[in-house]
């Protein structure tokens, strides 16, 4: 019985070490971001008033110049869902 539990402990340690190594590899190699990273072009669709949304975006741009690529497009509420579904399908 003791031999079986020793095997389980060793197996769990091996899988634990692999999991920790995987997290470290992805966090160090892929993540990190670093400074100077800017956001590319982002278009936000919605049914809110464009002038109000643009005012909020201007405040965001002043606080964080990296967000200059973000824009808002006001869509008609009646056709918004079908336009969004079509855009996602493309």
PDB file of N, CA and C in Angstrom:
ATOM      1  N   UNK A   1       0.817  -1.183   0.000  1.00  0.00           N
ATOM      2  CA  UNK A   1       0.000   0.000   0.000  1.00  0.00           C
ATOM      3  C   UNK A   1       0.869   1.258   0.000  1.00  0.00           C
ATOM      4  N   UNK A   2       1.971   1.212   0.753  1.00  0.00           N
ATOM      5  CA  UNK A   2       2.855   2.352   0.841  1.00  0.00           C
ATOM      6  C   UNK A   2       3.534   2.609  -0.508  1.00  0.00           C
ATOM      7  N   UNK A   3       3.842   1.575  -1.244  1.00  0.00           N
ATOM      8  CA  UNK A   3       4.469   1.702  -2.544  1.00  0.00           C
ATOM      9  C   UNK A   3       3.541   2.430  -3.520  1.00  0.00           C
ATOM     10  N   UNK A   4       2.258   2.178  -3.439  1.00  0.00           N
ATOM     11  CA  UNK A   4       1.274   2.817  -4.310  1.00  0.00           C
ATOM     12  C   UNK A   4       1.191   4.315  -4.020  1.00  0.00           C
ATOM     13  N   UNK A   5       1.183   4.721  -2.770  1.00  0.00           N
ATOM     14  CA  UNK A   5       1.084   6.140  -2.445  1.00  0.00           C
ATOM     15  C   UNK A   5       2.374   6.877  -2.810  1.00  0.00           C
ATOM     16  N   UNK A   6       3.528   6.215  -2.738  1.00  0.00           N
ATOM     17  CA  UNK A   6       4.778   6.825  -3.154  1.00  0.00           C
ATOM     18  C   UNK A   6       4.754   7.107  -4.649  1.00  0.00           C
ATOM     19  N   UNK A   7       4.222   6.172  -5.422  1.00  0.00           N
ATOM     20  CA  UNK A   7       4.069   6.367  -6.858  1.00  0.00           C
ATOM     21  C   UNK A   7       3.161   7.558  -7.150  1.00  0.00           C
ATOM     22  N   UNK A   8       2.063   7.686  -6.420  1.00  0.00           N
ATOM     23  CA  UNK A   8       1.158   8.820  -6.620  1.00  0.00           C
ATOM     24  C   UNK A   8       1.847  10.144  -6.309  1.00  0.00           C
ATOM     25  N   UNK A   9       2.622  10.188  -5.245  1.00  0.00           N
ATOM     26  CA  UNK A   9       3.332  11.410  -4.870  1.00  0.00           C
ATOM     27  C   UNK A   9       4.341  11.800  -5.948  1.00  0.00           C
ATOM     28  N   UNK A  10       5.082  10.830  -6.443  1.00  0.00           N
ATOM     29  CA  UNK A  10       6.061  11.107  -7.493  1.00  0.00           C
ATOM     30  C   UNK A  10       5.367  11.582  -8.759  1.00  0.00           C
ATOM     31  N   UNK A  11       4.293  10.927  -9.127  1.00  0.00           N
ATOM     32  CA  UNK A  11       3.554  11.310 -10.319  1.00  0.00           C
ATOM     33  C   UNK A  11       2.981  12.724 -10.197  1.00  0.00           C
ATOM     34  N   UNK A  12       2.414  13.049  -9.050  1.00  0.00           N
ATOM     35  CA  UNK A  12       1.884  14.394  -8.830  1.00  0.00           C
ATOM     36  C   UNK A  12       2.984  15.447  -8.857  1.00  0.00           C
ATOM     37  N   UNK A  13       4.143  15.140  -8.311  1.00  0.00           N
ATOM     38  CA  UNK A  13       5.268  16.077  -8.344  1.00  0.00           C
ATOM     39  C   UNK A  13       5.744  16.320  -9.773  1.00  0.00           C
ATOM     40  N   UNK A  14       5.808  15.259 -10.564  1.00  0.00           N
ATOM     41  CA  UNK A  14       6.232  15.404 -11.958  1.00  0.00           C
ATOM     42  C   UNK A  14       5.244  16.267 -12.732  1.00  0.00           C
ATOM     43  N   UNK A  15       3.943  15.979 -12.612  1.00  0.00           N
ATOM     44  CA  UNK A  15       2.946  16.783 -13.320  1.00  0.00           C
ATOM     45  C   UNK A  15       2.904  18.217 -12.795  1.00  0.00           C
ATOM     46  N   UNK A  16       3.116  18.393 -11.498  1.00  0.00           N
ATOM     47  CA  UNK A  16       3.171  19.737 -10.928  1.00  0.00           C
ATOM     48  C   UNK A  16       4.337  20.532 -11.479  1.00  0.00           C
ATOM     49  N   UNK A  17       5.491  19.878 -11.593  1.00  0.00           N
ATOM     50  CA  UNK A  17       6.673  20.552 -12.143  1.00  0.00           C
ATOM     51  C   UNK A  17       6.462  20.917 -13.600  1.00  0.00           C
ATOM     52  N   UNK A  18       5.823  20.039 -14.356  1.00  0.00           N
ATOM     53  CA  UNK A  18       5.524  20.342 -15.760  1.00  0.00           C
ATOM     54  C   UNK A  18       4.566  21.521 -15.865  1.00  0.00           C
ATOM     55  N   UNK A  19       3.559  21.564 -15.004  1.00  0.00           N
ATOM     56  CA  UNK A  19       2.602  22.666 -15.023  1.00  0.00           C
ATOM     57  C   UNK A  19       3.283  23.989 -14.683  1.00  0.00           C
ATOM     58  N   UNK A  20       4.121  23.998 -13.668  1.00  0.00           N
ATOM     59  CA  UNK A  20       4.829  25.220 -13.285  1.00  0.00           C
ATOM     60  C   UNK A  20       5.772  25.662 -14.402  1.00  0.00           C
ATOM     61  N   UNK A  21       6.482  24.720 -15.013  1.00  0.00           N
ATOM     62  CA  UNK A  21       7.380  25.051 -16.117  1.00  0.00           C
ATOM     63  C   UNK A  21       6.605  25.635 -17.293  1.00  0.00           C
ATOM     64  N   UNK A  22       5.433  25.079 -17.587  1.00  0.00           N
ATOM     65  CA  UNK A  22       4.616  25.605 -18.672  1.00  0.00           C
ATOM     66  C   UNK A  22       4.148  27.022 -18.415  1.00  0.00           C
ATOM     67  N   UNK A  23       3.724  27.295 -17.196  1.00  0.00           N
ATOM     68  CA  UNK A  23       3.294  28.649 -16.847  1.00  0.00           C
ATOM     69  C   UNK A  23       4.457  29.622 -16.970  1.00  0.00           C
ATOM     70  N   UNK A  24       5.625  29.224 -16.496  1.00  0.00           N
ATOM     71  CA  UNK A  24       6.795  30.102 -16.589  1.00  0.00           C
ATOM     72  C   UNK A  24       7.189  30.369 -18.037  1.00  0.00           C
ATOM     73  N   UNK A  25       7.158  29.354 -18.864  1.00  0.00           N
ATOM     74  CA  UNK A  25       7.521  29.530 -20.271  1.00  0.00           C
ATOM     75  C   UNK A  25       6.571  30.510 -20.939  1.00  0.00           C
ATOM     76  N   UNK A  26       5.267  30.329 -20.740  1.00  0.00           N
ATOM     77  CA  UNK A  26       4.309  31.213 -21.383  1.00  0.00           C
ATOM     78  C   UNK A  26       4.350  32.617 -20.804  1.00  0.00           C
ATOM     79  N   UNK A  27       4.573  32.766 -19.519  1.00  0.00           N
ATOM     80  CA  UNK A  27       4.582  34.103 -18.937  1.00  0.00           C
ATOM     81  C   UNK A  27       5.844  34.871 -19.309  1.00  0.00           C
ATOM     82  N   UNK A  28       6.969  34.189 -19.441  1.00  0.00           N
ATOM     83  CA  UNK A  28       8.215  34.875 -19.767  1.00  0.00           C
ATOM     84  C   UNK A  28       8.403  35.062 -21.270  1.00  0.00           C
ATOM     85  N   UNK A  29       8.054  34.078 -22.059  1.00  0.00           N
ATOM     86  CA  UNK A  29       8.302  34.148 -23.492  1.00  0.00           C
ATOM     87  C   UNK A  29       7.212  34.897 -24.238  1.00  0.00           C
ATOM     88  N   UNK A  30       5.964  34.633 -23.917  1.00  0.00           N
ATOM     89  CA  UNK A  30       4.857  35.214 -24.673  1.00  0.00           C
ATOM     90  C   UNK A  30       4.380  36.503 -24.042  1.00  0.00           C
ATOM     91  N   UNK A  31       4.210  36.519 -22.748  1.00  0.00           N
ATOM     92  CA  UNK A  31       3.668  37.685 -22.064  1.00  0.00           C
ATOM     93  C   UNK A  31       4.713  38.755 -21.885  1.00  0.00           C
ATOM     94  N   UNK A  32       4.554  39.508 -20.838  1.00  0.00           N
ATOM     95  CA  UNK A  32       5.530  40.529 -20.533  1.00  0.00           C
ATOM     96  C   UNK A  32       5.192  41.874 -21.122  1.00  0.00           C
ATOM     97  N   UNK A  33       4.606  41.923 -22.291  1.00  0.00           N
ATOM     98  CA  UNK A  33       4.192  43.179 -22.896  1.00  0.00           C
ATOM     99  C   UNK A  33       5.335  44.138 -23.112  1.00  0.00           C
ATOM    100  N   UNK A  34       5.908  44.629 -22.046  1.00  0.00           N
ATOM    101  CA  UNK A  34       6.998  45.579 -22.145  1.00  0.00           C
ATOM    102  C   UNK A  34       6.476  46.977 -22.406  1.00  0.00           C
ATOM    103  N   UNK A  35       7.369  47.938 -22.360  1.00  0.00           N
ATOM    104  CA  UNK A  35       6.964  49.317 -22.595  1.00  0.00           C
ATOM    105  C   UNK A  35       6.973  49.593 -24.085  1.00  0.00           C
ATOM    106  N   UNK A  36       6.248  50.606 -24.466  1.00  0.00           N
ATOM    107  CA  UNK A  36       6.193  50.976 -25.870  1.00  0.00           C
ATOM    108  C   UNK A  36       5.174  50.182 -26.666  1.00  0.00           C
ATOM    109  N   UNK A  37       4.487  49.268 -26.053  1.00  0.00           N
ATOM    110  CA  UNK A  37       3.475  48.506 -26.775  1.00  0.00           C
ATOM    111  C   UNK A  37       2.246  49.381 -26.953  1.00  0.00           C
ATOM    112  N   UNK A  38       1.780  49.522 -28.171  1.00  0.00           N
ATOM    113  CA  UNK A  38       0.591  50.329 -28.413  1.00  0.00           C
ATOM    114  C   UNK A  38      -0.519  49.456 -28.965  1.00  0.00           C
ATOM    115  N   UNK A  39      -1.706  49.969 -28.860  1.00  0.00           N
ATOM    116  CA  UNK A  39      -2.873  49.244 -29.337  1.00  0.00           C
ATOM    117  C   UNK A  39      -3.047  49.558 -30.812  1.00  0.00           C
ATOM    118  N   UNK A  40      -3.344  48.555 -31.588  1.00  0.00           N
ATOM    119  CA  UNK A  40      -3.600  48.758 -33.005  1.00  0.00           C
ATOM    120  C   UNK A  40      -4.974  49.358 -33.220  1.00  0.00           C
ATOM    121  N   UNK A  41      -5.468  49.281 -34.423  1.00  0.00           N
ATOM    122  CA  UNK A  41      -6.773  49.848 -34.756  1.00  0.00           C
ATOM    123  C   UNK A  41      -7.874  48.989 -34.147  1.00  0.00           C
ATOM    124  N   UNK A  42      -8.738  49.628 -33.358  1.00  0.00           N
ATOM    125  CA  UNK A  42      -9.863  48.956 -32.717  1.00  0.00           C
ATOM    126  C   UNK A  42     -11.108  49.765 -33.025  1.00  0.00           C
ATOM    127  N   UNK A  43     -12.125  49.113 -33.585  1.00  0.00           N
ATOM    128  CA  UNK A  43     -13.386  49.776 -33.886  1.00  0.00           C
ATOM    129  C   UNK A  43     -14.458  49.175 -32.989  1.00  0.00           C
ATOM    130  N   UNK A  44     -15.091  50.036 -32.200  1.00  0.00           N
ATOM    131  CA  UNK A  44     -16.148  49.610 -31.289  1.00  0.00           C
ATOM    132  C   UNK A  44     -17.482  49.930 -31.938  1.00  0.00           C
ATOM    133  N   UNK A  45     -18.354  48.944 -32.024  1.00  0.00           N
ATOM    134  CA  UNK A  45     -19.709  49.139 -32.536  1.00  0.00           C
ATOM    135  C   UNK A  45     -20.666  49.200 -31.359  1.00  0.00           C
ATOM    136  N   UNK A  46     -21.687  50.028 -31.504  1.00  0.00           N
ATOM    137  CA  UNK A  46     -22.701  50.093 -30.468  1.00  0.00           C
ATOM    138  C   UNK A  46     -23.875  50.944 -30.892  1.00  0.00           C
ATOM    139  N   UNK A  47     -24.869  50.996 -30.042  1.00  0.00           N
ATOM    140  CA  UNK A  47     -26.071  51.772 -30.333  1.00  0.00           C
ATOM    141  C   UNK A  47     -26.130  53.055 -29.507  1.00  0.00           C
ATOM    142  N   UNK A  48     -25.074  53.344 -28.746  1.00  0.00           N
ATOM    143  CA  UNK A  48     -25.018  54.567 -27.958  1.00  0.00           C
ATOM    144  C   UNK A  48     -24.747  55.768 -28.850  1.00  0.00           C
ATOM    145  N   UNK A  49     -25.037  56.966 -28.326  1.00  0.00           N
ATOM    146  CA  UNK A  49     -24.822  58.201 -29.064  1.00  0.00           C
ATOM    147  C   UNK A  49     -23.338  58.394 -29.361  1.00  0.00           C
ATOM    148  N   UNK A  50     -23.002  58.646 -30.634  1.00  0.00           N
ATOM    149  CA  UNK A  50     -21.602  58.767 -31.049  1.00  0.00           C
ATOM    150  C   UNK A  50     -20.926  59.970 -30.414  1.00  0.00           C
ATOM    151  N   UNK A  51     -21.608  61.095 -30.298  1.00  0.00           N
ATOM    152  CA  UNK A  51     -20.962  62.278 -29.728  1.00  0.00           C
ATOM    153  C   UNK A  51     -20.590  62.059 -28.262  1.00  0.00           C
ATOM    154  N   UNK A  52     -21.453  61.401 -27.509  1.00  0.00           N
ATOM    155  CA  UNK A  52     -21.155  61.120 -26.108  1.00  0.00           C
ATOM    156  C   UNK A  52     -19.995  60.137 -25.994  1.00  0.00           C
ATOM    157  N   UNK A  53     -20.002  59.133 -26.838  1.00  0.00           N
ATOM    158  CA  UNK A  53     -18.928  58.131 -26.790  1.00  0.00           C
ATOM    159  C   UNK A  53     -17.604  58.752 -27.216  1.00  0.00           C
ATOM    160  N   UNK A  54     -17.627  59.617 -28.226  1.00  0.00           N
ATOM    161  CA  UNK A  54     -16.403  60.273 -28.673  1.00  0.00           C
ATOM    162  C   UNK A  54     -15.834  61.184 -27.586  1.00  0.00           C
ATOM    163  N   UNK A  55     -16.709  61.826 -26.801  1.00  0.00           N
ATOM    164  CA  UNK A  55     -16.232  62.661 -25.695  1.00  0.00           C
ATOM    165  C   UNK A  55     -15.485  61.814 -24.663  1.00  0.00           C
ATOM    166  N   UNK A  56     -16.007  60.651 -24.383  1.00  0.00           N
ATOM    167  CA  UNK A  56     -15.326  59.751 -23.444  1.00  0.00           C
ATOM    168  C   UNK A  56     -14.003  59.274 -24.038  1.00  0.00           C
ATOM    169  N   UNK A  57     -13.999  58.956 -25.324  1.00  0.00           N
ATOM    170  CA  UNK A  57     -12.766  58.507 -25.973  1.00  0.00           C
ATOM    171  C   UNK A  57     -11.704  59.603 -25.949  1.00  0.00           C
ATOM    172  N   UNK A  58     -12.098  60.860 -26.107  1.00  0.00           N
ATOM    173  CA  UNK A  58     -11.129  61.955 -26.059  1.00  0.00           C
ATOM    174  C   UNK A  58     -10.448  62.030 -24.696  1.00  0.00           C
ATOM    175  N   UNK A  59     -11.213  61.818 -23.637  1.00  0.00           N
ATOM    176  CA  UNK A  59     -10.625  61.797 -22.298  1.00  0.00           C
ATOM    177  C   UNK A  59      -9.651  60.624 -22.143  1.00  0.00           C
ATOM    178  N   UNK A  60     -10.013  59.496 -22.727  1.00  0.00           N
ATOM    179  CA  UNK A  60      -9.140  58.324 -22.682  1.00  0.00           C
ATOM    180  C   UNK A  60      -7.854  58.600 -23.455  1.00  0.00           C
ATOM    181  N   UNK A  61      -7.972  59.241 -24.615  1.00  0.00           N
ATOM    182  CA  UNK A  61      -6.790  59.550 -25.425  1.00  0.00           C
ATOM    183  C   UNK A  61      -5.843  60.481 -24.686  1.00  0.00           C
ATOM    184  N   UNK A  62      -6.395  61.447 -23.948  1.00  0.00           N
ATOM    185  CA  UNK A  62      -5.549  62.367 -23.193  1.00  0.00           C
ATOM    186  C   UNK A  62      -4.831  61.648 -22.056  1.00  0.00           C
ATOM    187  N   UNK A  63      -5.513  60.725 -21.414  1.00  0.00           N
ATOM    188  CA  UNK A  63      -4.915  59.989 -20.303  1.00  0.00           C
ATOM    189  C   UNK A  63      -3.922  58.937 -20.794  1.00  0.00           C
ATOM    190  N   UNK A  64      -4.184  58.350 -21.971  1.00  0.00           N
ATOM    191  CA  UNK A  64      -3.337  57.279 -22.486  1.00  0.00           C
ATOM    192  C   UNK A  64      -3.220  57.426 -24.001  1.00  0.00           C
ATOM    193  N   UNK A  65      -2.163  58.070 -24.498  1.00  0.00           N
ATOM    194  CA  UNK A  65      -2.005  58.288 -25.937  1.00  0.00           C
ATOM    195  C   UNK A  65      -1.905  57.005 -26.758  1.00  0.00           C
ATOM    196  N   UNK A  66      -1.588  55.885 -26.132  1.00  0.00           N
ATOM    197  CA  UNK A  66      -1.502  54.621 -26.868  1.00  0.00           C
ATOM    198  C   UNK A  66      -2.857  54.163 -27.381  1.00  0.00           C
ATOM    199  N   UNK A  67      -3.927  54.764 -26.898  1.00  0.00           N
ATOM    200  CA  UNK A  67      -5.281  54.355 -27.273  1.00  0.00           C
ATOM    201  C   UNK A  67      -5.804  55.102 -28.498  1.00  0.00           C
ATOM    202  N   UNK A  68      -4.957  55.838 -29.205  1.00  0.00           N
ATOM    203  CA  UNK A  68      -5.384  56.649 -30.343  1.00  0.00           C
ATOM    204  C   UNK A  68      -6.026  55.829 -31.463  1.00  0.00           C
ATOM    205  N   UNK A  69      -5.752  54.555 -31.539  1.00  0.00           N
ATOM    206  CA  UNK A  69      -6.294  53.715 -32.594  1.00  0.00           C
ATOM    207  C   UNK A  69      -7.713  53.235 -32.334  1.00  0.00           C
ATOM    208  N   UNK A  70      -8.310  53.633 -31.208  1.00  0.00           N
ATOM    209  CA  UNK A  70      -9.658  53.191 -30.855  1.00  0.00           C
ATOM    210  C   UNK A  70     -10.673  54.182 -31.411  1.00  0.00           C
ATOM    211  N   UNK A  71     -11.706  53.666 -32.072  1.00  0.00           N
ATOM    212  CA  UNK A  71     -12.773  54.522 -32.597  1.00  0.00           C
ATOM    213  C   UNK A  71     -14.126  53.872 -32.339  1.00  0.00           C
ATOM    214  N   UNK A  72     -15.180  54.668 -32.457  1.00  0.00           N
ATOM    215  CA  UNK A  72     -16.537  54.193 -32.192  1.00  0.00           C
ATOM    216  C   UNK A  72     -17.402  54.428 -33.419  1.00  0.00           C
ATOM    217  N   UNK A  73     -18.245  53.449 -33.749  1.00  0.00           N
ATOM    218  CA  UNK A  73     -19.207  53.564 -34.844  1.00  0.00           C
ATOM    219  C   UNK A  73     -20.594  53.302 -34.273  1.00  0.00           C
ATOM    220  N   UNK A  74     -21.473  54.286 -34.440  1.00  0.00           N
ATOM    221  CA  UNK A  74     -22.843  54.126 -33.954  1.00  0.00           C
ATOM    222  C   UNK A  74     -23.655  53.362 -34.996  1.00  0.00           C
ATOM    223  N   UNK A  75     -24.333  52.321 -34.558  1.00  0.00           N
ATOM    224  CA  UNK A  75     -25.172  51.501 -35.429  1.00  0.00           C
ATOM    225  C   UNK A  75     -26.636  51.671 -35.039  1.00  0.00           C
ATOM    226  N   UNK A  76     -27.508  51.444 -35.993  1.00  0.00           N
ATOM    227  CA  UNK A  76     -28.938  51.504 -35.746  1.00  0.00           C
ATOM    228  C   UNK A  76     -29.339  50.318 -34.862  1.00  0.00           C
ATOM    229  N   UNK A  77     -30.106  50.605 -33.825  1.00  0.00           N
ATOM    230  CA  UNK A  77     -30.490  49.560 -32.873  1.00  0.00           C
ATOM    231  C   UNK A  77     -31.323  48.461 -33.528  1.00  0.00           C
ATOM    232  N   UNK A  78     -32.092  48.808 -34.560  1.00  0.00           N
ATOM    233  CA  UNK A  78     -32.961  47.829 -35.214  1.00  0.00           C
ATOM    234  C   UNK A  78     -32.163  46.801 -36.020  1.00  0.00           C
ATOM    235  N   UNK A  79     -31.024  47.227 -36.551  1.00  0.00           N
ATOM    236  CA  UNK A  79     -30.246  46.320 -37.414  1.00  0.00           C
ATOM    237  C   UNK A  79     -28.907  45.926 -36.806  1.00  0.00           C
ATOM    238  N   UNK A  80     -28.638  46.357 -35.578  1.00  0.00           N
ATOM    239  CA  UNK A  80     -27.342  46.127 -34.948  1.00  0.00           C
ATOM    240  C   UNK A  80     -26.987  44.635 -34.851  1.00  0.00           C
ATOM    241  N   UNK A  81     -27.916  43.830 -34.370  1.00  0.00           N
ATOM    242  CA  UNK A  81     -27.612  42.410 -34.171  1.00  0.00           C
ATOM    243  C   UNK A  81     -27.327  41.693 -35.485  1.00  0.00           C
ATOM    244  N   UNK A  82     -28.077  42.006 -36.513  1.00  0.00           N
ATOM    245  CA  UNK A  82     -27.830  41.337 -37.796  1.00  0.00           C
ATOM    246  C   UNK A  82     -26.525  41.813 -38.422  1.00  0.00           C
ATOM    247  N   UNK A  83     -26.198  43.103 -38.284  1.00  0.00           N
ATOM    248  CA  UNK A  83     -24.922  43.603 -38.801  1.00  0.00           C
ATOM    249  C   UNK A  83     -23.746  42.986 -38.056  1.00  0.00           C
ATOM    250  N   UNK A  84     -23.889  42.849 -36.751  1.00  0.00           N
ATOM    251  CA  UNK A  84     -22.830  42.247 -35.956  1.00  0.00           C
ATOM    252  C   UNK A  84     -22.637  40.775 -36.319  1.00  0.00           C
ATOM    253  N   UNK A  85     -23.738  40.060 -36.502  1.00  0.00           N
ATOM    254  CA  UNK A  85     -23.640  38.644 -36.886  1.00  0.00           C
ATOM    255  C   UNK A  85     -22.987  38.495 -38.246  1.00  0.00           C
ATOM    256  N   UNK A  86     -23.325  39.379 -39.189  1.00  0.00           N
ATOM    257  CA  UNK A  86     -22.710  39.336 -40.512  1.00  0.00           C
ATOM    258  C   UNK A  86     -21.223  39.637 -40.441  1.00  0.00           C
ATOM    259  N   UNK A  87     -20.853  40.623 -39.625  1.00  0.00           N
ATOM    260  CA  UNK A  87     -19.422  40.983 -39.506  1.00  0.00           C
ATOM    261  C   UNK A  87     -18.634  39.854 -38.858  1.00  0.00           C
ATOM    262  N   UNK A  88     -19.204  39.207 -37.859  1.00  0.00           N
ATOM    263  CA  UNK A  88     -18.520  38.094 -37.212  1.00  0.00           C
ATOM    264  C   UNK A  88     -18.389  36.896 -38.158  1.00  0.00           C
ATOM    265  N   UNK A  89     -19.380  36.707 -39.007  1.00  0.00           N
ATOM    266  CA  UNK A  89     -19.343  35.594 -39.954  1.00  0.00           C
ATOM    267  C   UNK A  89     -18.254  35.803 -41.014  1.00  0.00           C
ATOM    268  N   UNK A  90     -17.969  37.041 -41.321  1.00  0.00           N
ATOM    269  CA  UNK A  90     -16.926  37.321 -42.319  1.00  0.00           C
ATOM    270  C   UNK A  90     -15.581  37.081 -41.715  1.00  0.00           C
TER     271      UNK A  90
END
